[in-house]
Protein backbone atom coordinates (compact mmCIF):
# COMPACT_ATOMS: atom_id res chain seq x y z
CA MET A 1 0.00 0.00 0.00
CA ALA A 2 1.37 3.39 -0.92
CA GLU A 3 2.05 5.81 1.91
CA THR A 4 -0.56 8.26 0.60
CA ASP A 5 -3.17 5.49 0.52
CA THR A 6 -2.80 4.82 4.24
CA ALA A 7 -3.90 8.42 4.89
CA LEU A 8 -7.16 7.82 3.03
CA GLY A 9 -10.21 7.23 5.14
CA TYR A 10 -12.53 4.36 4.36
CA GLU A 11 -15.19 6.56 2.77
CA GLN A 12 -12.66 8.36 0.59
CA ALA A 13 -11.13 5.11 -0.63
CA ARG A 14 -14.56 3.57 -1.23
CA ASP A 15 -15.79 6.59 -3.20
CA GLU A 16 -12.67 6.67 -5.35
CA LEU A 17 -12.95 2.92 -5.92
CA ILE A 18 -16.54 3.36 -7.08
CA GLU A 19 -15.38 6.00 -9.56
CA VAL A 20 -12.59 3.72 -10.84
CA VAL A 21 -15.09 0.91 -11.40
CA ARG A 22 -17.45 3.27 -13.26
CA LYS A 23 -14.65 4.37 -15.58
CA LEU A 24 -13.61 0.79 -16.26
CA GLU A 25 -17.19 -0.31 -16.92
CA ALA A 26 -17.80 2.64 -19.23
CA GLY A 27 -14.89 1.57 -21.43
CA GLY A 28 -13.40 3.83 -24.04
CA THR A 29 -10.01 4.02 -22.34
CA SER A 30 -6.76 2.79 -23.76
CA LEU A 31 -5.28 -0.47 -22.54
CA GLU A 32 -2.61 1.44 -20.66
CA ASP A 33 -5.17 3.67 -18.94
CA SER A 34 -7.37 0.67 -18.14
CA LEU A 35 -4.44 -1.13 -16.53
CA ALA A 36 -3.59 1.97 -14.48
CA LEU A 37 -7.20 2.21 -13.34
CA TRP A 38 -7.23 -1.48 -12.45
CA GLU A 39 -4.04 -1.12 -10.40
CA ARG A 40 -5.46 1.92 -8.60
CA GLY A 41 -8.63 -0.02 -7.90
CA GLU A 42 -6.61 -2.86 -6.37
CA GLU A 43 -4.80 -0.41 -4.08
CA LEU A 44 -8.06 1.22 -3.04
CA ALA A 45 -9.61 -2.17 -2.34
CA LYS A 46 -6.65 -2.94 -0.05
CA VAL A 47 -7.22 0.32 1.82
CA CYS A 48 -10.91 -0.51 2.28
CA ARG A 49 -10.07 -4.04 3.41
CA HIS A 50 -7.54 -2.66 5.91
CA TRP A 51 -10.15 -0.34 7.43
CA LEU A 52 -12.79 -3.07 7.56
CA GLU A 53 -10.42 -5.57 9.17
CA GLY A 54 -9.48 -2.95 11.77
CA ALA A 55 -13.11 -2.24 12.50
CA ARG A 56 -13.82 -5.95 12.82
CA ALA A 57 -10.93 -6.39 15.27
CA ARG A 58 -12.21 -3.50 17.39
CA LEU A 59 -15.71 -4.96 17.40
CA ASP A 60 -14.45 -8.42 18.34
CA SER A 61 -12.39 -6.91 21.16
CA ALA A 62 -15.34 -4.91 22.50
CA LEU A 63 -17.60 -7.98 22.39
CA ALA A 64 -15.01 -10.12 24.17
CA ALA A 65 -14.58 -7.46 26.86
CA ARG A 66 -18.34 -7.25 27.35
CA GLU A 67 -18.65 -11.02 27.61
CA ALA A 68 -15.80 -11.11 30.14
CA ALA A 69 -17.44 -8.38 32.21
CA GLU A 70 -20.80 -10.16 32.13
CA GLY A 71 -19.10 -13.38 33.18
CA ALA A 72 -17.43 -11.63 36.11
CA ASP A 73 -20.76 -10.12 37.20
CA GLU A 74 -22.38 -13.53 37.33
CA GLU A 75 -19.85 -14.92 39.81
């Protein structure tokens, strides 16, 4: 992942990825431009995946902490 990509928020990366997909689906670009768009899309997808995995880890941690606290209350 490029250093500038790590500064992108999830929503920014998602919105740019949507635009990349629209351009690719519309066609009319040269092979070189299409490949560049595809590569950018792959990078943006990695950024989105990174954010989603982080959010999932935070959620799992919060749920585990809640379950541990509830277990301690029952004793």
